[in-house]
Amino acid sequence: MDSVLQVIAKASNIRTGENPPYTVESFLQMYPQFVNVPQVVLEAWVKMAHASVKHARYCDMWEMAMGLYIAHFITLYLQTMAEPDMPAQTIINKGLAKGLQTSKSVGDVSVSYDFNTVAQDFDGWGTYKLTLFGQQFITMAKLVSMGGMVVW
């Protein structure tokens, strides 16, 4: 019976197991541009990455995948940063989704964004397509993934 369960587990394409150590310090060595992000935020995303990015799947690419995953979500976090005393509308605007800037004017200020161009190759990947870190993570994930299987 154990061998049947092992076959089913392998066919499911689910990878489990413990990850090697990876800390905020590990992340900041590769991405020092995030050194001023609050420690509590960095720690939260490192924990989330450990739960989401498994060494058993990424093997030698695991550290890079961890870094890209965290950098992606920290970038989204930074896009929403606002001072607590800012007007409510400014805080709301910080949290709104943005696309790829396609045009800009100076007189009477006008900016256009395209949400489709960036996303075409990454359909189904949610917010990962919104940052360069996320796009790199998607590319790496596509390299190591395989669709789920049904065992009869």
Protein backbone atom coordinates (compact mmCIF):
# COMPACT_ATOMS: atom_id res chain seq x y z
CA MET A 1 0.00 0.00 0.00
CA ASP A 2 2.87 2.40 0.78
CA SER A 3 4.25 2.04 -2.76
CA VAL A 4 0.84 2.94 -4.22
CA LEU A 5 0.71 6.08 -2.05
CA GLN A 6 4.23 6.99 -3.13
CA VAL A 7 3.25 6.66 -6.81
CA ILE A 8 0.16 8.79 -6.26
CA ALA A 9 2.17 11.42 -4.36
CA LYS A 10 4.76 11.57 -7.13
CA ALA A 11 2.10 11.83 -9.84
CA SER A 12 0.34 14.64 -8.00
CA ASN A 13 3.39 16.85 -8.55
CA ILE A 14 3.13 18.14 -4.97
CA ARG A 15 6.52 18.68 -3.37
CA THR A 16 6.88 18.60 0.38
CA GLY A 17 9.69 18.60 2.87
CA GLU A 18 11.69 21.08 4.85
CA ASN A 19 13.60 23.90 3.25
CA PRO A 20 17.21 24.67 4.12
CA PRO A 21 17.80 27.80 6.19
CA TYR A 22 16.97 31.07 4.41
CA THR A 23 16.73 34.26 6.44
CA VAL A 24 16.16 37.96 6.02
CA GLU A 25 19.94 38.29 5.97
CA SER A 26 20.13 35.74 3.12
CA PHE A 27 17.61 37.81 1.18
CA LEU A 28 19.37 41.13 1.83
CA GLN A 29 22.71 39.74 0.63
CA MET A 30 21.19 39.26 -2.82
CA TYR A 31 18.83 42.26 -2.71
CA PRO A 32 20.45 45.00 -0.61
CA GLN A 33 18.11 47.59 -2.13
CA PHE A 34 15.45 46.39 0.33
CA VAL A 35 17.51 47.07 3.47
CA ASN A 36 15.19 49.92 4.59
CA VAL A 37 12.01 47.81 4.51
CA PRO A 38 10.72 47.24 8.05
CA GLN A 39 12.16 44.06 9.57
CA VAL A 40 8.72 42.74 10.49
CA VAL A 41 7.65 42.94 6.82
CA LEU A 42 10.80 41.20 5.60
CA GLU A 43 10.39 38.43 8.18
CA ALA A 44 6.76 37.90 7.21
CA TRP A 45 7.62 37.47 3.52
CA VAL A 46 10.54 35.15 4.28
CA LYS A 47 8.12 32.95 6.26
CA MET A 48 5.60 33.07 3.40
CA ALA A 49 8.32 32.13 0.90
CA HIS A 50 9.30 29.12 3.03
CA ALA A 51 5.68 27.97 2.95
CA SER A 52 5.33 28.52 -0.81
CA VAL A 53 8.69 27.86 -2.48
CA LYS A 54 9.89 24.32 -1.82
CA HIS A 55 13.52 23.26 -2.16
CA ALA A 56 12.30 19.83 -3.30
CA ARG A 57 10.91 21.47 -6.46
CA TYR A 58 13.53 24.13 -7.24
CA CYS A 59 16.65 22.23 -6.10
CA ASP A 60 19.71 24.29 -7.14
CA MET A 61 17.49 27.21 -8.20
CA TRP A 62 15.79 27.38 -4.80
CA GLU A 63 17.72 30.33 -3.30
CA MET A 64 17.13 32.40 -6.43
CA ALA A 65 13.43 31.45 -6.42
CA MET A 66 13.13 32.43 -2.74
CA GLY A 67 14.76 35.80 -3.43
CA LEU A 68 12.60 36.55 -6.47
CA TYR A 69 9.42 35.57 -4.62
CA ILE A 70 10.24 37.83 -1.68
CA ALA A 71 11.49 40.72 -3.85
CA HIS A 72 8.27 40.58 -5.87
CA PHE A 73 6.01 40.88 -2.86
CA ILE A 74 8.20 43.49 -1.14
CA THR A 75 8.04 45.57 -4.33
CA LEU A 76 4.23 45.38 -4.26
CA TYR A 77 4.33 46.30 -0.57
CA LEU A 78 6.53 49.34 -1.30
CA GLN A 79 4.15 50.50 -4.04
CA THR A 80 1.44 50.75 -1.41
CA MET A 81 3.52 52.60 1.18
CA ALA A 82 1.96 55.81 2.43
CA GLU A 83 2.49 57.94 5.48
CA PRO A 84 -0.27 57.48 8.08
CA ASP A 85 -1.11 61.19 8.07
CA MET A 86 -1.63 61.38 4.29
CA PRO A 87 -5.14 62.15 3.03
CA ALA A 88 -7.34 59.06 2.62
CA GLN A 89 -7.49 59.46 -1.18
CA THR A 90 -3.67 59.42 -1.41
CA ILE A 91 -3.54 56.23 0.66
CA ILE A 92 -6.24 54.66 -1.53
CA ASN A 93 -4.40 55.66 -4.72
CA LYS A 94 -1.20 54.04 -3.40
CA GLY A 95 -3.07 50.75 -3.14
CA LEU A 96 -4.56 50.78 -6.65
CA ALA A 97 -3.21 48.39 -9.28
CA LYS A 98 -1.00 49.92 -11.95
CA GLY A 99 -0.17 48.71 -15.44
CA LEU A 100 2.78 49.33 -17.72
CA GLN A 101 3.11 53.06 -18.46
CA THR A 102 2.63 53.48 -22.21
CA SER A 103 2.47 57.25 -22.60
CA LYS A 104 3.00 60.42 -20.63
CA SER A 105 2.25 64.10 -21.26
CA VAL A 106 3.51 67.12 -19.39
CA GLY A 107 0.99 69.88 -20.21
CA ASP A 108 -2.14 69.21 -18.13
CA VAL A 109 -0.50 65.96 -16.94
CA SER A 110 -1.70 62.76 -18.60
CA VAL A 111 -0.41 59.21 -18.08
CA SER A 112 -1.63 56.02 -19.78
CA TYR A 113 -1.10 52.46 -18.57
CA ASP A 114 -1.42 49.16 -20.41
CA PHE A 115 -2.30 46.15 -18.27
CA ASN A 116 -2.41 43.62 -21.12
CA THR A 117 1.00 43.80 -22.79
CA VAL A 118 2.95 42.74 -19.72
CA ALA A 119 0.48 40.02 -18.82
CA GLN A 120 -0.01 38.15 -22.09
CA ASP A 121 2.67 35.52 -21.55
CA PHE A 122 1.84 35.18 -17.86
CA ASP A 123 -1.92 34.58 -17.91
CA GLY A 124 -3.06 32.86 -14.78
CA TRP A 125 -0.13 34.05 -12.64
CA GLY A 126 -1.97 36.81 -10.78
CA THR A 127 0.19 39.61 -9.40
CA TYR A 128 3.48 37.94 -10.34
CA LYS A 129 3.26 39.58 -13.76
CA LEU A 130 3.26 43.07 -12.22
CA THR A 131 6.96 43.22 -11.25
CA LEU A 132 10.16 42.21 -12.99
CA PHE A 133 10.96 40.03 -9.97
CA GLY A 134 7.62 38.26 -10.38
CA GLN A 135 8.15 37.78 -14.11
CA GLN A 136 11.52 36.16 -13.44
CA PHE A 137 9.91 33.98 -10.77
CA ILE A 138 7.22 32.85 -13.26
CA THR A 139 9.88 31.97 -15.82
CA MET A 140 11.76 29.92 -13.24
CA ALA A 141 8.58 28.26 -11.99
CA LYS A 142 7.69 27.24 -15.54
CA LEU A 143 11.09 25.55 -15.84
CA VAL A 144 10.55 23.34 -12.81
CA SER A 145 6.82 22.69 -12.97
CA MET A 146 4.73 20.03 -14.53
CA GLY A 147 0.99 19.92 -14.66
CA GLY A 148 -0.84 17.74 -12.16
CA MET A 149 -1.74 14.21 -13.15
CA VAL A 150 -4.68 11.92 -12.47
CA VAL A 151 -3.92 8.35 -11.45
CA TRP A 152 -6.63 5.75 -12.14
